[in-house]
Amino acid sequence: NYIVIIDGQHRIKAAMDCNYPADKIRLALPGDSSLDTMTILLALNNECFKWTGNSYLRAAYIRHPESKDLAYMNSLASEGFPLSTVSWIVTLGTSVNQQHLNKYIATSGIVVGANIEMAKLFLKNARQVGFSDKYLKKRYLIEGLAKFIKGDNIDSETIFNKLLSLDINDVSVLESIRNCPTSVYAYLNDKWFNEDSQNI
């Protein structure tokens, strides 16, 4: 048996330095004392500083280390991908967000509807043709590609493999498009599916 001091260790140390009797020191747990240590730690850490989206993702992964989806998403966050971009890469939408993750941090079993294999294919092919991680972290490309998959009902594997047909000039043009996934979609639609542009 041992006690982990989460906060206030300087007070405990000062009391011990002054030979204050250990049996007189009282430790308090926040809220419901039936909560497990992990839940208490997560709650305390959330109250000590403002969490970012990636903080919620990390906490969900710590809480559910068995989740392969969360492991992969956490690895992207560790590379500097913001939570909003991670969500687009793994779900082609915004379903993985702070509210979603916060709801599941303290519960067992998390299902995020992620397609990790397709996410890996997207990043592999995008990097292979020369897209920088700096650009990929902005999510313009994945949002533009999602318009083909969700709007035009073209399967994601087909669309992600079409990335391999892009050359360095295409990459340069696409990386110059800012804040407009619709323009990314329009450029790629013209290149991939417009017969006139293919015959030039």
Protein backbone atom coordinates (compact mmCIF):
# COMPACT_ATOMS: atom_id res chain seq x y z
CA ASN A 1 0.00 0.00 0.00
CA TYR A 2 1.19 3.46 -0.83
CA ILE A 3 -0.22 6.92 -1.43
CA VAL A 4 0.44 8.94 -4.58
CA ILE A 5 0.35 12.66 -3.93
CA ILE A 6 -1.13 14.28 -7.01
CA ASP A 7 -1.05 17.88 -5.85
CA GLY A 8 0.26 19.65 -2.76
CA GLN A 9 3.47 17.63 -2.40
CA HIS A 10 5.30 20.81 -1.30
CA ARG A 11 2.91 21.06 1.68
CA ILE A 12 3.45 17.41 2.60
CA LYS A 13 7.22 17.87 2.35
CA ALA A 14 7.10 21.03 4.51
CA ALA A 15 5.01 19.21 7.14
CA MET A 16 7.44 16.28 7.18
CA ASP A 17 10.44 18.64 7.38
CA CYS A 18 8.82 20.16 10.50
CA ASN A 19 8.29 16.67 11.96
CA TYR A 20 4.50 17.03 11.75
CA PRO A 21 2.96 13.62 12.59
CA ALA A 22 2.16 11.72 9.42
CA ASP A 23 -1.06 10.33 10.89
CA LYS A 24 -2.37 13.89 11.27
CA ILE A 25 -1.98 14.68 7.54
CA ARG A 26 -5.29 14.40 5.69
CA LEU A 27 -5.53 13.79 1.98
CA ALA A 28 -8.61 14.80 0.03
CA LEU A 29 -9.86 13.34 -3.23
CA PRO A 30 -11.91 15.50 -5.60
CA GLY A 31 -15.57 14.67 -6.09
CA ASP A 32 -16.68 11.07 -6.04
CA SER A 33 -14.17 8.95 -4.10
CA SER A 34 -15.41 5.83 -5.92
CA LEU A 35 -13.64 7.04 -9.08
CA ASP A 36 -10.50 5.20 -10.12
CA THR A 37 -7.10 6.88 -10.00
CA MET A 38 -6.94 7.43 -13.79
CA THR A 39 -10.24 9.31 -13.83
CA ILE A 40 -9.15 11.46 -10.88
CA LEU A 41 -5.82 12.26 -12.56
CA LEU A 42 -7.55 13.20 -15.81
CA ALA A 43 -9.99 15.45 -13.97
CA LEU A 44 -7.23 17.17 -12.00
CA ASN A 45 -5.05 17.70 -15.05
CA ASN A 46 -7.96 19.16 -16.99
CA GLU A 47 -8.62 21.67 -14.22
CA CYS A 48 -4.96 22.70 -13.81
CA PHE A 49 -4.46 24.03 -17.35
CA LYS A 50 -6.60 24.53 -20.45
CA TRP A 51 -6.54 21.44 -22.59
CA THR A 52 -6.06 21.54 -26.33
CA GLY A 53 -7.84 19.13 -28.66
CA ASN A 54 -4.76 16.95 -28.65
CA SER A 55 -4.81 16.88 -24.82
CA TYR A 56 -8.23 15.23 -24.99
CA LEU A 57 -6.95 12.78 -27.58
CA ARG A 58 -3.94 11.90 -25.43
CA ALA A 59 -6.17 11.46 -22.35
CA ALA A 60 -8.57 9.20 -24.28
CA TYR A 61 -5.62 7.10 -25.46
CA ILE A 62 -4.17 6.86 -21.93
CA ARG A 63 -7.61 5.82 -20.72
CA HIS A 64 -8.07 3.25 -23.52
CA PRO A 65 -4.57 2.04 -24.53
CA GLU A 66 -6.10 -1.05 -26.13
CA SER A 67 -7.71 1.07 -28.87
CA LYS A 68 -5.75 0.82 -32.12
CA ASP A 69 -7.73 3.76 -33.50
CA LEU A 70 -6.72 5.99 -30.60
CA ALA A 71 -3.12 4.77 -30.76
CA TYR A 72 -2.87 5.81 -34.41
CA MET A 73 -4.65 9.12 -33.87
CA ASN A 74 -2.41 9.87 -30.89
CA SER A 75 0.66 9.14 -33.04
CA LEU A 76 -0.55 11.73 -35.58
CA ALA A 77 -1.12 14.23 -32.78
CA SER A 78 2.43 13.52 -31.56
CA GLU A 79 3.66 14.48 -35.05
CA GLY A 80 1.92 17.84 -34.66
CA PHE A 81 -1.34 17.17 -36.49
CA PRO A 82 -4.16 19.16 -34.84
CA LEU A 83 -7.18 17.21 -33.60
CA SER A 84 -9.42 18.67 -36.32
CA THR A 85 -7.05 17.40 -39.03
CA VAL A 86 -6.67 14.02 -37.33
CA SER A 87 -10.46 13.71 -37.35
CA TRP A 88 -10.66 14.46 -41.08
CA ILE A 89 -7.85 12.02 -41.88
CA VAL A 90 -9.35 9.09 -39.95
CA THR A 91 -13.11 9.73 -40.34
CA LEU A 92 -13.42 12.12 -43.32
CA GLY A 93 -15.29 14.49 -41.04
CA THR A 94 -15.40 16.23 -37.70
CA SER A 95 -16.77 13.41 -35.55
CA VAL A 96 -13.61 13.12 -33.44
CA ASN A 97 -13.64 16.32 -31.42
CA GLN A 98 -13.13 17.51 -27.84
CA GLN A 99 -16.73 16.87 -26.85
CA HIS A 100 -16.69 13.36 -28.30
CA LEU A 101 -13.40 12.47 -26.61
CA ASN A 102 -14.34 14.07 -23.29
CA LYS A 103 -17.53 12.02 -23.19
CA TYR A 104 -15.62 8.77 -23.59
CA ILE A 105 -12.55 9.48 -21.44
CA ALA A 106 -14.28 8.31 -18.26
CA THR A 107 -16.20 5.41 -19.81
CA SER A 108 -15.14 2.02 -21.03
CA GLY A 109 -14.89 1.24 -24.71
CA ILE A 110 -14.57 4.00 -27.27
CA VAL A 111 -15.74 3.69 -30.85
CA VAL A 112 -14.74 6.55 -33.08
CA GLY A 113 -15.67 5.12 -36.48
CA ALA A 114 -12.14 5.55 -37.76
CA ASN A 115 -10.74 3.89 -40.88
CA ILE A 116 -7.07 3.67 -40.01
CA GLU A 117 -6.02 1.70 -43.09
CA MET A 118 -7.44 4.37 -45.39
CA ALA A 119 -5.87 7.11 -43.26
CA LYS A 120 -2.47 5.43 -43.64
CA LEU A 121 -2.99 5.07 -47.41
CA PHE A 122 -3.88 8.76 -47.72
CA LEU A 123 -0.79 9.94 -45.83
CA LYS A 124 1.54 7.47 -47.55
CA ASN A 125 0.44 8.48 -51.05
CA ALA A 126 0.26 12.21 -50.28
CA ARG A 127 3.77 12.17 -48.84
CA GLN A 128 5.08 10.01 -51.69
CA VAL A 129 4.13 12.58 -54.35
CA GLY A 130 5.66 15.42 -52.35
CA PHE A 131 3.01 17.03 -50.14
CA SER A 132 4.67 18.49 -47.07
CA ASP A 133 3.47 17.60 -43.58
CA LYS A 134 3.09 21.33 -42.99
CA TYR A 135 0.45 21.41 -45.73
CA LEU A 136 -1.17 18.10 -44.76
CA LYS A 137 -1.64 19.36 -41.20
CA LYS A 138 -3.86 22.15 -42.57
CA ARG A 139 -6.46 19.56 -43.77
CA TYR A 140 -7.32 21.34 -47.06
CA LEU A 141 -6.31 18.32 -49.14
CA ILE A 142 -8.17 15.70 -47.09
CA GLU A 143 -11.31 17.86 -46.98
CA GLY A 144 -11.16 18.31 -50.76
CA LEU A 145 -10.73 14.57 -51.25
CA ALA A 146 -13.61 13.86 -48.87
CA LYS A 147 -15.90 15.69 -51.31
CA PHE A 148 -15.21 12.96 -53.88
CA ILE A 149 -15.79 10.18 -51.35
CA LYS A 150 -18.82 11.55 -49.52
CA GLY A 151 -20.34 13.77 -52.19
CA ASP A 152 -19.59 11.85 -55.37
CA ASN A 153 -19.67 8.36 -53.79
CA ILE A 154 -16.25 7.32 -55.06
CA ASP A 155 -14.55 4.86 -52.72
CA SER A 156 -11.71 6.24 -50.63
CA GLU A 157 -9.11 3.73 -51.85
CA THR A 158 -9.68 4.82 -55.46
CA ILE A 159 -9.38 8.50 -54.59
CA PHE A 160 -6.33 8.08 -52.37
CA ASN A 161 -4.58 6.02 -55.04
CA LYS A 162 -5.31 8.75 -57.61
CA LEU A 163 -2.97 10.95 -55.59
CA LEU A 164 -0.11 8.96 -57.16
CA SER A 165 -0.98 10.47 -60.57
CA LEU A 166 -0.07 13.97 -59.34
CA ASP A 167 3.24 15.51 -60.32
CA ILE A 168 5.33 18.13 -58.54
CA ASN A 169 3.54 20.96 -60.42
CA ASP A 170 0.15 19.70 -59.18
CA VAL A 171 1.50 19.51 -55.64
CA SER A 172 2.81 23.07 -55.92
CA VAL A 173 -0.54 24.39 -57.18
CA LEU A 174 -2.51 22.52 -54.49
CA GLU A 175 -0.19 23.64 -51.69
CA SER A 176 -0.77 27.26 -52.78
CA ILE A 177 -4.54 26.88 -52.19
CA ARG A 178 -5.36 28.12 -48.68
CA ASN A 179 -8.56 27.80 -46.66
CA CYS A 180 -10.56 26.41 -49.58
CA PRO A 181 -11.13 22.64 -49.83
CA THR A 182 -13.68 23.38 -52.56
CA SER A 183 -10.89 24.78 -54.75
CA VAL A 184 -8.80 21.66 -54.05
CA TYR A 185 -11.76 19.53 -55.11
CA ALA A 186 -12.33 21.62 -58.27
CA TYR A 187 -8.66 21.38 -59.30
CA LEU A 188 -8.53 17.61 -58.79
CA ASN A 189 -11.93 17.03 -60.37
CA ASP A 190 -10.75 18.86 -63.47
CA LYS A 191 -7.49 16.90 -63.56
CA TRP A 192 -8.92 13.46 -62.83
CA PHE A 193 -12.41 13.46 -64.30
CA ASN A 194 -12.68 16.21 -66.93
CA GLU A 195 -12.07 14.62 -70.35
CA ASP A 196 -11.04 17.94 -71.96
CA SER A 197 -8.22 18.51 -69.47
CA GLN A 198 -7.02 14.90 -69.85
CA ASN A 199 -6.73 15.32 -73.63
CA ILE A 200 -4.53 18.43 -73.47
